[in-house]
Amino acid sequence: MARVARPPRSADRRSRPQPWRDAVSELLVLQAAYAHWLAVLPDSLRASSIAEALEAIVDLDFTDLADIELPRGYGRD
């Protein structure tokens, strides 16, 4: 009889909502860093593709992502 292989258990012991909160938090930290980079960008690069990319990142609105509160699951929410 063939055995069914189970995927290895993750060593990550965070609750299911925690990785989401961590990822959103990391996005907000990165966005702030890119906003600072854009603010100190030399005038000679203001019309460059670097400035355009930084502006696109800074203009993203992550408030909806930050406001999402995932259920804990399995009747614990």
PDB file of N, CA and C in Angstrom:
ATOM      1  N   MET A   1       0.839  -1.164   0.000  1.00  0.00           N
ATOM      2  CA  MET A   1       0.000   0.000   0.000  1.00  0.00           C
ATOM      3  C   MET A   1       0.898   1.246   0.000  1.00  0.00           C
ATOM      4  N   ALA A   2       0.569   2.178  -0.855  1.00  0.00           N
ATOM      5  CA  ALA A   2       1.359   3.410  -0.961  1.00  0.00           C
ATOM      6  C   ALA A   2       1.044   4.343   0.187  1.00  0.00           C
ATOM      7  N   ARG A   3       2.081   4.920   0.736  1.00  0.00           N
ATOM      8  CA  ARG A   3       1.901   5.875   1.827  1.00  0.00           C
ATOM      9  C   ARG A   3       1.753   7.272   1.243  1.00  0.00           C
ATOM     10  N   VAL A   4       0.879   8.043   1.834  1.00  0.00           N
ATOM     11  CA  VAL A   4       0.686   9.424   1.409  1.00  0.00           C
ATOM     12  C   VAL A   4       1.635  10.294   2.213  1.00  0.00           C
ATOM     13  N   ALA A   5       2.481  11.013   1.521  1.00  0.00           N
ATOM     14  CA  ALA A   5       3.451  11.877   2.204  1.00  0.00           C
ATOM     15  C   ALA A   5       2.762  13.172   2.628  1.00  0.00           C
ATOM     16  N   ARG A   6       2.922  13.513   3.865  1.00  0.00           N
ATOM     17  CA  ARG A   6       2.388  14.776   4.367  1.00  0.00           C
ATOM     18  C   ARG A   6       3.439  15.857   4.208  1.00  0.00           C
ATOM     19  N   PRO A   7       2.979  17.076   3.939  1.00  0.00           N
ATOM     20  CA  PRO A   7       3.972  18.153   3.879  1.00  0.00           C
ATOM     21  C   PRO A   7       4.583  18.360   5.259  1.00  0.00           C
ATOM     22  N   PRO A   8       5.842  18.722   5.314  1.00  0.00           N
ATOM     23  CA  PRO A   8       6.477  18.917   6.623  1.00  0.00           C
ATOM     24  C   PRO A   8       5.800  20.054   7.378  1.00  0.00           C
ATOM     25  N   ARG A   9       5.708  19.898   8.682  1.00  0.00           N
ATOM     26  CA  ARG A   9       5.113  20.937   9.506  1.00  0.00           C
ATOM     27  C   ARG A   9       6.040  22.139   9.542  1.00  0.00           C
ATOM     28  N   SER A  10       5.431  23.269   9.459  1.00  0.00           N
ATOM     29  CA  SER A  10       6.195  24.511   9.499  1.00  0.00           C
ATOM     30  C   SER A  10       6.682  24.779  10.912  1.00  0.00           C
ATOM     31  N   ALA A  11       7.880  25.294  11.021  1.00  0.00           N
ATOM     32  CA  ALA A  11       8.418  25.669  12.325  1.00  0.00           C
ATOM     33  C   ALA A  11       7.845  27.002  12.770  1.00  0.00           C
ATOM     34  N   ASP A  12       7.116  27.659  11.889  1.00  0.00           N
ATOM     35  CA  ASP A  12       6.503  28.948  12.192  1.00  0.00           C
ATOM     36  C   ASP A  12       5.325  28.736  13.134  1.00  0.00           C
ATOM     37  N   ARG A  13       5.434  29.230  14.328  1.00  0.00           N
ATOM     38  CA  ARG A  13       4.400  29.025  15.340  1.00  0.00           C
ATOM     39  C   ARG A  13       3.463  30.218  15.493  1.00  0.00           C
ATOM     40  N   ARG A  14       3.531  31.164  14.551  1.00  0.00           N
ATOM     41  CA  ARG A  14       2.650  32.323  14.629  1.00  0.00           C
ATOM     42  C   ARG A  14       1.209  31.910  14.332  1.00  0.00           C
ATOM     43  N   SER A  15       0.263  32.657  14.906  1.00  0.00           N
ATOM     44  CA  SER A  15      -1.145  32.413  14.602  1.00  0.00           C
ATOM     45  C   SER A  15      -1.377  32.727  13.127  1.00  0.00           C
ATOM     46  N   ARG A  16      -2.442  32.247  12.564  1.00  0.00           N
ATOM     47  CA  ARG A  16      -2.703  32.485  11.148  1.00  0.00           C
ATOM     48  C   ARG A  16      -2.784  33.968  10.794  1.00  0.00           C
ATOM     49  N   PRO A  17      -3.400  34.824  11.603  1.00  0.00           N
ATOM     50  CA  PRO A  17      -3.437  36.249  11.252  1.00  0.00           C
ATOM     51  C   PRO A  17      -2.079  36.953  11.387  1.00  0.00           C
ATOM     52  N   GLN A  18      -1.174  36.425  12.200  1.00  0.00           N
ATOM     53  CA  GLN A  18       0.082  37.124  12.465  1.00  0.00           C
ATOM     54  C   GLN A  18       0.956  37.310  11.227  1.00  0.00           C
ATOM     55  N   PRO A  19       1.112  36.318  10.352  1.00  0.00           N
ATOM     56  CA  PRO A  19       1.916  36.555   9.143  1.00  0.00           C
ATOM     57  C   PRO A  19       1.342  37.684   8.285  1.00  0.00           C
ATOM     58  N   TRP A  20       0.017  37.801   8.246  1.00  0.00           N
ATOM     59  CA  TRP A  20      -0.618  38.895   7.499  1.00  0.00           C
ATOM     60  C   TRP A  20      -0.217  40.238   8.100  1.00  0.00           C
ATOM     61  N   ARG A  21      -0.359  40.353   9.425  1.00  0.00           N
ATOM     62  CA  ARG A  21      -0.001  41.610  10.093  1.00  0.00           C
ATOM     63  C   ARG A  21       1.483  41.917   9.891  1.00  0.00           C
ATOM     64  N   ASP A  22       2.317  40.907   9.960  1.00  0.00           N
ATOM     65  CA  ASP A  22       3.755  41.101   9.760  1.00  0.00           C
ATOM     66  C   ASP A  22       4.052  41.593   8.342  1.00  0.00           C
ATOM     67  N   ALA A  23       3.395  41.001   7.353  1.00  0.00           N
ATOM     68  CA  ALA A  23       3.625  41.387   5.956  1.00  0.00           C
ATOM     69  C   ALA A  23       3.167  42.822   5.702  1.00  0.00           C
ATOM     70  N   VAL A  24       2.000  43.178   6.220  1.00  0.00           N
ATOM     71  CA  VAL A  24       1.499  44.545   6.045  1.00  0.00           C
ATOM     72  C   VAL A  24       2.423  45.532   6.749  1.00  0.00           C
ATOM     73  N   SER A  25       2.872  45.178   7.928  1.00  0.00           N
ATOM     74  CA  SER A  25       3.794  46.035   8.667  1.00  0.00           C
ATOM     75  C   SER A  25       5.085  46.242   7.873  1.00  0.00           C
ATOM     76  N   GLU A  26       5.601  45.180   7.287  1.00  0.00           N
ATOM     77  CA  GLU A  26       6.820  45.276   6.482  1.00  0.00           C
ATOM     78  C   GLU A  26       6.593  46.175   5.267  1.00  0.00           C
ATOM     79  N   LEU A  27       5.431  46.057   4.630  1.00  0.00           N
ATOM     80  CA  LEU A  27       5.116  46.934   3.495  1.00  0.00           C
ATOM     81  C   LEU A  27       5.113  48.399   3.918  1.00  0.00           C
ATOM     82  N   LEU A  28       4.541  48.691   5.077  1.00  0.00           N
ATOM     83  CA  LEU A  28       4.491  50.067   5.558  1.00  0.00           C
ATOM     84  C   LEU A  28       5.891  50.599   5.878  1.00  0.00           C
ATOM     85  N   VAL A  29       6.736  49.752   6.451  1.00  0.00           N
ATOM     86  CA  VAL A  29       8.120  50.147   6.740  1.00  0.00           C
ATOM     87  C   VAL A  29       8.867  50.424   5.436  1.00  0.00           C
ATOM     88  N   LEU A  30       8.706  49.542   4.461  1.00  0.00           N
ATOM     89  CA  LEU A  30       9.374  49.739   3.173  1.00  0.00           C
ATOM     90  C   LEU A  30       8.865  50.996   2.483  1.00  0.00           C
ATOM     91  N   GLN A  31       7.568  51.223   2.533  1.00  0.00           N
ATOM     92  CA  GLN A  31       6.993  52.407   1.898  1.00  0.00           C
ATOM     93  C   GLN A  31       7.571  53.682   2.529  1.00  0.00           C
ATOM     94  N   ALA A  32       7.706  53.699   3.843  1.00  0.00           N
ATOM     95  CA  ALA A  32       8.285  54.862   4.514  1.00  0.00           C
ATOM     96  C   ALA A  32       9.739  55.064   4.097  1.00  0.00           C
ATOM     97  N   ALA A  33      10.486  53.975   3.957  1.00  0.00           N
ATOM     98  CA  ALA A  33      11.880  54.079   3.521  1.00  0.00           C
ATOM     99  C   ALA A  33      11.964  54.627   2.104  1.00  0.00           C
ATOM    100  N   TYR A  34      11.073  54.171   1.221  1.00  0.00           N
ATOM    101  CA  TYR A  34      11.082  54.666  -0.150  1.00  0.00           C
ATOM    102  C   TYR A  34      10.615  56.117  -0.218  1.00  0.00           C
ATOM    103  N   ALA A  35       9.710  56.513   0.658  1.00  0.00           N
ATOM    104  CA  ALA A  35       9.282  57.917   0.720  1.00  0.00           C
ATOM    105  C   ALA A  35      10.463  58.804   1.118  1.00  0.00           C
ATOM    106  N   HIS A  36      11.256  58.324   2.064  1.00  0.00           N
ATOM    107  CA  HIS A  36      12.449  59.080   2.467  1.00  0.00           C
ATOM    108  C   HIS A  36      13.446  59.154   1.316  1.00  0.00           C
ATOM    109  N   TRP A  37      13.656  58.043   0.623  1.00  0.00           N
ATOM    110  CA  TRP A  37      14.561  58.010  -0.514  1.00  0.00           C
ATOM    111  C   TRP A  37      14.108  59.023  -1.571  1.00  0.00           C
ATOM    112  N   LEU A  38      12.800  59.062  -1.843  1.00  0.00           N
ATOM    113  CA  LEU A  38      12.260  60.004  -2.813  1.00  0.00           C
ATOM    114  C   LEU A  38      12.474  61.446  -2.347  1.00  0.00           C
ATOM    115  N   ALA A  39      12.298  61.689  -1.064  1.00  0.00           N
ATOM    116  CA  ALA A  39      12.446  63.045  -0.526  1.00  0.00           C
ATOM    117  C   ALA A  39      13.876  63.564  -0.650  1.00  0.00           C
ATOM    118  N   VAL A  40      14.855  62.681  -0.554  1.00  0.00           N
ATOM    119  CA  VAL A  40      16.253  63.119  -0.620  1.00  0.00           C
ATOM    120  C   VAL A  40      16.880  62.880  -1.997  1.00  0.00           C
ATOM    121  N   LEU A  41      16.067  62.494  -2.960  1.00  0.00           N
ATOM    122  CA  LEU A  41      16.568  62.255  -4.310  1.00  0.00           C
ATOM    123  C   LEU A  41      17.091  63.562  -4.905  1.00  0.00           C
ATOM    124  N   PRO A  42      18.266  63.543  -5.496  1.00  0.00           N
ATOM    125  CA  PRO A  42      18.798  64.772  -6.092  1.00  0.00           C
ATOM    126  C   PRO A  42      17.898  65.292  -7.214  1.00  0.00           C
ATOM    127  N   ASP A  43      17.895  66.592  -7.386  1.00  0.00           N
ATOM    128  CA  ASP A  43      17.067  67.209  -8.426  1.00  0.00           C
ATOM    129  C   ASP A  43      17.349  66.633  -9.803  1.00  0.00           C
ATOM    130  N   SER A  44      18.580  66.235 -10.047  1.00  0.00           N
ATOM    131  CA  SER A  44      18.946  65.686 -11.353  1.00  0.00           C
ATOM    132  C   SER A  44      18.238  64.365 -11.654  1.00  0.00           C
ATOM    133  N   LEU A  45      17.704  63.705 -10.615  1.00  0.00           N
ATOM    134  CA  LEU A  45      17.012  62.420 -10.814  1.00  0.00           C
ATOM    135  C   LEU A  45      15.496  62.530 -10.667  1.00  0.00           C
ATOM    136  N   ARG A  46      14.981  63.729 -10.478  1.00  0.00           N
ATOM    137  CA  ARG A  46      13.538  63.912 -10.268  1.00  0.00           C
ATOM    138  C   ARG A  46      12.694  63.463 -11.457  1.00  0.00           C
ATOM    139  N   ALA A  47      13.223  63.514 -12.646  1.00  0.00           N
ATOM    140  CA  ALA A  47      12.470  63.119 -13.842  1.00  0.00           C
ATOM    141  C   ALA A  47      12.876  61.731 -14.333  1.00  0.00           C
ATOM    142  N   SER A  48      13.522  60.956 -13.492  1.00  0.00           N
ATOM    143  CA  SER A  48      14.036  59.648 -13.908  1.00  0.00           C
ATOM    144  C   SER A  48      13.033  58.534 -13.625  1.00  0.00           C
ATOM    145  N   SER A  49      13.357  57.359 -14.141  1.00  0.00           N
ATOM    146  CA  SER A  49      12.517  56.186 -13.884  1.00  0.00           C
ATOM    147  C   SER A  49      12.574  55.786 -12.405  1.00  0.00           C
ATOM    148  N   ILE A  50      13.688  56.088 -11.747  1.00  0.00           N
ATOM    149  CA  ILE A  50      13.798  55.815 -10.302  1.00  0.00           C
ATOM    150  C   ILE A  50      12.757  56.625  -9.547  1.00  0.00           C
ATOM    151  N   ALA A  51      12.669  57.913  -9.861  1.00  0.00           N
ATOM    152  CA  ALA A  51      11.691  58.783  -9.197  1.00  0.00           C
ATOM    153  C   ALA A  51      10.269  58.310  -9.479  1.00  0.00           C
ATOM    154  N   GLU A  52       9.996  57.907 -10.705  1.00  0.00           N
ATOM    155  CA  GLU A  52       8.659  57.422 -11.061  1.00  0.00           C
ATOM    156  C   GLU A  52       8.294  56.175 -10.251  1.00  0.00           C
ATOM    157  N   ALA A  53       9.234  55.258 -10.135  1.00  0.00           N
ATOM    158  CA  ALA A  53       8.976  54.030  -9.376  1.00  0.00           C
ATOM    159  C   ALA A  53       8.768  54.344  -7.899  1.00  0.00           C
ATOM    160  N   LEU A  54       9.590  55.221  -7.355  1.00  0.00           N
ATOM    161  CA  LEU A  54       9.441  55.591  -5.945  1.00  0.00           C
ATOM    162  C   LEU A  54       8.107  56.279  -5.697  1.00  0.00           C
ATOM    163  N   GLU A  55       7.701  57.169  -6.593  1.00  0.00           N
ATOM    164  CA  GLU A  55       6.409  57.838  -6.467  1.00  0.00           C
ATOM    165  C   GLU A  55       5.265  56.841  -6.520  1.00  0.00           C
ATOM    166  N   ALA A  56       5.369  55.852  -7.395  1.00  0.00           N
ATOM    167  CA  ALA A  56       4.317  54.831  -7.492  1.00  0.00           C
ATOM    168  C   ALA A  56       4.188  54.061  -6.183  1.00  0.00           C
ATOM    169  N   ILE A  57       5.318  53.744  -5.566  1.00  0.00           N
ATOM    170  CA  ILE A  57       5.299  53.019  -4.286  1.00  0.00           C
ATOM    171  C   ILE A  57       4.735  53.898  -3.185  1.00  0.00           C
ATOM    172  N   VAL A  58       5.169  55.146  -3.144  1.00  0.00           N
ATOM    173  CA  VAL A  58       4.718  56.067  -2.098  1.00  0.00           C
ATOM    174  C   VAL A  58       3.224  56.343  -2.231  1.00  0.00           C
ATOM    175  N   ASP A  59       2.711  56.355  -3.457  1.00  0.00           N
ATOM    176  CA  ASP A  59       1.298  56.660  -3.692  1.00  0.00           C
ATOM    177  C   ASP A  59       0.361  55.496  -3.382  1.00  0.00           C
ATOM    178  N   LEU A  60       0.908  54.300  -3.177  1.00  0.00           N
ATOM    179  CA  LEU A  60       0.051  53.161  -2.839  1.00  0.00           C
ATOM    180  C   LEU A  60      -0.614  53.392  -1.484  1.00  0.00           C
ATOM    181  N   ASP A  61      -1.886  53.035  -1.398  1.00  0.00           N
ATOM    182  CA  ASP A  61      -2.642  53.207  -0.156  1.00  0.00           C
ATOM    183  C   ASP A  61      -2.811  51.844   0.512  1.00  0.00           C
ATOM    184  N   PHE A  62      -2.054  51.636   1.574  1.00  0.00           N
ATOM    185  CA  PHE A  62      -2.096  50.362   2.285  1.00  0.00           C
ATOM    186  C   PHE A  62      -3.061  50.384   3.471  1.00  0.00           C
ATOM    187  N   THR A  63      -3.854  51.442   3.614  1.00  0.00           N
ATOM    188  CA  THR A  63      -4.744  51.526   4.783  1.00  0.00           C
ATOM    189  C   THR A  63      -5.775  50.402   4.787  1.00  0.00           C
ATOM    190  N   ASP A  64      -6.297  50.053   3.615  1.00  0.00           N
ATOM    191  CA  ASP A  64      -7.261  48.947   3.568  1.00  0.00           C
ATOM    192  C   ASP A  64      -6.626  47.641   4.021  1.00  0.00           C
ATOM    193  N   LEU A  65      -5.384  47.414   3.621  1.00  0.00           N
ATOM    194  CA  LEU A  65      -4.688  46.199   4.043  1.00  0.00           C
ATOM    195  C   LEU A  65      -4.455  46.209   5.553  1.00  0.00           C
ATOM    196  N   ALA A  66      -4.063  47.358   6.070  1.00  0.00           N
ATOM    197  CA  ALA A  66      -3.768  47.468   7.502  1.00  0.00           C
ATOM    198  C   ALA A  66      -5.027  47.330   8.348  1.00  0.00           C
ATOM    199  N   ASP A  67      -6.178  47.692   7.783  1.00  0.00           N
ATOM    200  CA  ASP A  67      -7.442  47.634   8.527  1.00  0.00           C
ATOM    201  C   ASP A  67      -8.057  46.240   8.566  1.00  0.00           C
ATOM    202  N   ILE A  68      -7.578  45.337   7.732  1.00  0.00           N
ATOM    203  CA  ILE A  68      -8.145  43.983   7.696  1.00  0.00           C
ATOM    204  C   ILE A  68      -7.754  43.235   8.965  1.00  0.00           C
ATOM    205  N   GLU A  69      -8.744  42.704   9.626  1.00  0.00           N
ATOM    206  CA  GLU A  69      -8.510  41.893  10.829  1.00  0.00           C
ATOM    207  C   GLU A  69      -8.985  40.484  10.511  1.00  0.00           C
ATOM    208  N   LEU A  70      -8.045  39.595  10.281  1.00  0.00           N
ATOM    209  CA  LEU A  70      -8.389  38.223   9.922  1.00  0.00           C
ATOM    210  C   LEU A  70      -8.947  37.479  11.130  1.00  0.00           C
ATOM    211  N   PRO A  71      -9.913  36.580  10.908  1.00  0.00           N
ATOM    212  CA  PRO A  71     -10.419  35.780  12.017  1.00  0.00           C
ATOM    213  C   PRO A  71      -9.362  34.784  12.475  1.00  0.00           C
ATOM    214  N   ARG A  72      -9.396  34.449  13.729  1.00  0.00           N
ATOM    215  CA  ARG A  72      -8.429  33.498  14.278  1.00  0.00           C
ATOM    216  C   ARG A  72      -8.746  32.081  13.829  1.00  0.00           C
ATOM    217  N   GLY A  73      -9.992  31.799  13.529  1.00  0.00           N
ATOM    218  CA  GLY A  73     -10.380  30.513  12.995  1.00  0.00           C
ATOM    219  C   GLY A  73     -10.724  29.473  14.044  1.00  0.00           C
ATOM    220  N   TYR A  74     -11.326  28.409  13.584  1.00  0.00           N
ATOM    221  CA  TYR A  74     -11.685  27.270  14.421  1.00  0.00           C
ATOM    222  C   TYR A  74     -12.489  27.684  15.648  1.00  0.00           C
ATOM    223  N   GLY A  75     -13.423  28.621  15.467  1.00  0.00           N
ATOM    224  CA  GLY A  75     -14.317  29.008  16.551  1.00  0.00           C
ATOM    225  C   GLY A  75     -13.701  29.926  17.592  1.00  0.00           C
ATOM    226  N   ARG A  76     -12.491  30.426  17.326  1.00  0.00           N
ATOM    227  CA  ARG A  76     -11.824  31.280  18.305  1.00  0.00           C
ATOM    228  C   ARG A  76     -11.989  32.764  17.989  1.00  0.00           C
ATOM    229  N   ASP A  77     -12.749  33.109  16.928  1.00  0.00           N
ATOM    230  CA  ASP A  77     -12.878  34.509  16.572  1.00  0.00           C
ATOM    231  C   ASP A  77     -14.113  35.145  17.143  1.00  0.00           C
TER     232      ASP A  77
END
